[in-house]
C-alpha atoms as a PDB file:
ATOM      1  CA  MET A   1     -11.018   5.784  10.782  1.00  0.00           C
ATOM      2  CA  ASP A   2      -8.959   3.271  12.611  1.00  0.00           C
ATOM      3  CA  GLN A   3      -6.050   1.406  11.108  1.00  0.00           C
ATOM      4  CA  ILE A   4      -7.869  -1.913  10.957  1.00  0.00           C
ATOM      5  CA  GLN A   5     -10.677  -0.443   8.863  1.00  0.00           C
ATOM      6  CA  ILE A   6      -8.207   1.280   6.527  1.00  0.00           C
ATOM      7  CA  THR A   7      -6.233  -1.938   6.114  1.00  0.00           C
ATOM      8  CA  ARG A   8      -9.449  -3.854   5.443  1.00  0.00           C
ATOM      9  CA  GLN A   9     -10.450  -1.385   2.722  1.00  0.00           C
ATOM     10  CA  ILE A  10      -7.004  -1.654   1.147  1.00  0.00           C
ATOM     11  CA  MET A  11      -7.302  -5.454   1.160  1.00  0.00           C
ATOM     12  CA  GLU A  12     -10.770  -5.300  -0.445  1.00  0.00           C
ATOM     13  CA  PHE A  13      -9.468  -2.946  -3.133  1.00  0.00           C
ATOM     14  CA  ASN A  14      -6.452  -5.187  -3.742  1.00  0.00           C
ATOM     15  CA  LYS A  15      -8.696  -8.271  -4.000  1.00  0.00           C
ATOM     16  CA  ALA A  16     -10.915  -6.510  -6.551  1.00  0.00           C
ATOM     17  CA  ILE A  17      -7.860  -5.628  -8.634  1.00  0.00           C
ATOM     18  CA  VAL A  18      -6.525  -9.190  -8.505  1.00  0.00           C
ATOM     19  CA  ASP A  19      -9.936 -10.658  -9.401  1.00  0.00           C
ATOM     20  CA  ASN A  20     -10.414  -8.321 -12.354  1.00  0.00           C
ATOM     21  CA  THR A  21      -6.882  -8.931 -13.609  1.00  0.00           C
ATOM     22  CA  PHE A  22      -7.388 -12.670 -13.260  1.00  0.00           C
ATOM     23  CA  LYS A  23     -10.656 -12.537 -15.218  1.00  0.00           C
ATOM     24  CA  SER A  24      -8.993 -10.516 -17.976  1.00  0.00           C
ATOM     25  CA  MET A  25      -6.064 -12.914 -18.112  1.00  0.00           C
ATOM     26  CA  ALA A  26      -8.373 -15.945 -18.241  1.00  0.00           C
ATOM     27  CA  LEU A  27     -10.442 -14.370 -21.016  1.00  0.00           C
ATOM     28  CA  LEU A  28      -7.322 -13.614 -23.038  1.00  0.00           C
ATOM     29  CA  GLN A  29      -6.050 -17.152 -22.518  1.00  0.00           C
ATOM     30  CA  ASP A  30      -9.385 -18.654 -23.609  1.00  0.00           C
ATOM     31  CA  GLN A  31      -9.465 -16.573 -26.772  1.00  0.00           C
ATOM     32  CA  THR A  32      -5.852 -17.456 -27.581  1.00  0.00           C
ATOM     33  CA  GLU A  33      -6.585 -21.132 -26.965  1.00  0.00           C
ATOM     34  CA  LYS A  34      -9.537 -21.052 -29.367  1.00  0.00           C
ATOM     35  CA  LEU A  35      -7.437 -19.311 -32.006  1.00  0.00           C
ATOM     36  CA  VAL A  36      -4.567 -21.791 -31.704  1.00  0.00           C
ATOM     37  CA  PHE A  37      -6.848 -24.833 -31.829  1.00  0.00           C
ATOM     38  CA  ARG A  38      -8.700 -23.490 -34.875  1.00  0.00           C
ATOM     39  CA  PHE A  39      -5.346 -22.961 -36.555  1.00  0.00           C
ATOM     40  CA  MET A  40      -4.157 -26.458 -35.640  1.00  0.00           C
ATOM     41  CA  GLU A  41      -7.347 -28.020 -37.042  1.00  0.00           C
ATOM     42  CA  LYS A  42      -6.838 -26.400 -40.432  1.00  0.00           C
ATOM     43  CA  VAL A  43      -3.145 -27.028 -41.043  1.00  0.00           C
ATOM     44  CA  PRO A  44      -2.147 -30.550 -42.075  1.00  0.00           C
ATOM     45  CA  TRP A  45       1.546 -30.255 -41.204  1.00  0.00           C
ATOM     46  CA  ILE A  46       1.066 -30.344 -37.403  1.00  0.00           C
ATOM     47  CA  PRO A  47       1.245 -34.000 -36.306  1.00  0.00           C
ATOM     48  CA  ASN A  48      -1.225 -35.509 -33.860  1.00  0.00           C
ATOM     49  CA  GLU A  49       1.536 -35.736 -31.247  1.00  0.00           C
ATOM     50  CA  GLY A  50       1.941 -31.966 -31.466  1.00  0.00           C
ATOM     51  CA  LYS A  51      -1.791 -31.470 -31.013  1.00  0.00           C
ATOM     52  CA  LYS A  52      -1.805 -33.816 -28.019  1.00  0.00           C
ATOM     53  CA  ALA A  53       1.150 -31.965 -26.513  1.00  0.00           C
ATOM     54  CA  MET A  54      -0.688 -28.665 -26.961  1.00  0.00           C
ATOM     55  CA  ASN A  55      -3.787 -30.121 -25.268  1.00  0.00           C
ATOM     56  CA  LYS A  56      -1.683 -31.315 -22.332  1.00  0.00           C
ATOM     57  CA  TRP A  57       0.009 -27.936 -22.068  1.00  0.00           C
ATOM     58  CA  VAL A  58      -3.360 -26.160 -22.023  1.00  0.00           C
ATOM     59  CA  ASN A  59      -4.682 -28.538 -19.356  1.00  0.00           C
ATOM     60  CA  PHE A  60      -1.589 -28.002 -17.178  1.00  0.00           C
ATOM     61  CA  TYR A  61      -1.922 -24.264 -17.624  1.00  0.00           C
ATOM     62  CA  LYS A  62      -5.613 -24.294 -16.657  1.00  0.00           C
ATOM     63  CA  LYS A  63      -4.906 -26.422 -13.591  1.00  0.00           C
ATOM     64  CA  GLY A  64      -2.104 -24.073 -12.556  1.00  0.00           C
ATOM     65  CA  ILE A  65      -4.365 -21.060 -12.988  1.00  0.00           C
ATOM     66  CA  GLU A  66      -7.129 -22.711 -10.942  1.00  0.00           C
ATOM     67  CA  ASP A  67      -4.644 -23.621  -8.193  1.00  0.00           C
ATOM     68  CA  PHE A  68      -3.273 -20.078  -8.179  1.00  0.00           C
ATOM     69  CA  LYS A  69      -6.784 -18.605  -7.977  1.00  0.00           C
ATOM     70  CA  SER A  70      -7.860 -20.904  -5.143  1.00  0.00           C
ATOM     71  CA  CYS A  71      -4.651 -20.195  -3.207  1.00  0.00           C
ATOM     72  CA  THR A  72      -5.082 -16.450  -3.709  1.00  0.00           C
ATOM     73  CA  ASP A  73      -8.733 -16.561  -2.622  1.00  0.00           C
ATOM     74  CA  GLU A  74      -7.885 -18.663   0.421  1.00  0.00           C
ATOM     75  CA  ASN A  75      -5.156 -16.281   1.556  1.00  0.00           C
ATOM     76  CA  TYR A  76      -7.304 -13.201   0.960  1.00  0.00           C
ATOM     77  CA  ASN A  77     -10.050 -14.818   3.038  1.00  0.00           C
ATOM     78  CA  LYS A  78      -7.573 -15.467   5.846  1.00  0.00           C
ATOM     79  CA  ALA A  79      -6.384 -11.864   5.741  1.00  0.00           C
ATOM     80  CA  MET A  80      -9.940 -10.540   5.660  1.00  0.00           C
ATOM     81  CA  ASP A  81     -10.883 -12.748   8.615  1.00  0.00           C
ATOM     82  CA  TYR A  82      -7.936 -11.358  10.525  1.00  0.00           C
ATOM     83  CA  PHE A  83      -8.948  -7.770   9.816  1.00  0.00           C
ATOM     84  CA  SER A  84     -12.683  -8.441  10.254  1.00  0.00           C
ATOM     85  CA  ARG A  85     -12.421  -9.068  13.928  1.00  0.00           C
ATOM     86  CA  ASP A  86     -14.698  -6.897  16.009  1.00  0.00           C
ATOM     87  CA  GLN A  87     -11.768  -5.520  17.907  1.00  0.00           C
ATOM     88  CA  THR A  88     -11.126  -1.840  17.215  1.00  0.00           C
ATOM     89  CA  GLN A  89      -8.000   0.108  17.950  1.00  0.00           C
ATOM     90  CA  GLU A  90      -9.533   1.538  21.102  1.00  0.00           C
ATOM     91  CA  GLU A  91     -10.313  -1.929  22.433  1.00  0.00           C
ATOM     92  CA  TYR A  92      -6.786  -3.027  21.572  1.00  0.00           C
ATOM     93  CA  LYS A  93      -5.301  -0.035  23.393  1.00  0.00           C
ATOM     94  CA  ASP A  94      -7.526  -0.709  26.411  1.00  0.00           C
ATOM     95  CA  LYS A  95      -6.339  -4.319  26.517  1.00  0.00           C
ATOM     96  CA  LYS A  96      -2.749  -3.212  26.221  1.00  0.00           C
ATOM     97  CA  LYS A  97      -3.081  -0.796  29.162  1.00  0.00           C
ATOM     98  CA  SER A  98      -4.480  -3.422  31.521  1.00  0.00           C
END
């Protein structure tokens, strides 16, 4: 196996780990959000301003997570494009010699 193929496999493995971790984190966040909002609906002592602040916080968090995910995907795609080139180590060595 050449180094480019090994690096590509490492990148694919790393991307799978990041994607699975992200999905788990998003699922946990969604469940926590549902729990908190159910709690806030039932208790009378939380003012509407507090509920609005919580909604804003959740929206900011979701936007940040989406931005992080899109940035991560974009950079993984760039790295994969770099390592997906048809050039093998032998071709690289041949170019270097000439």
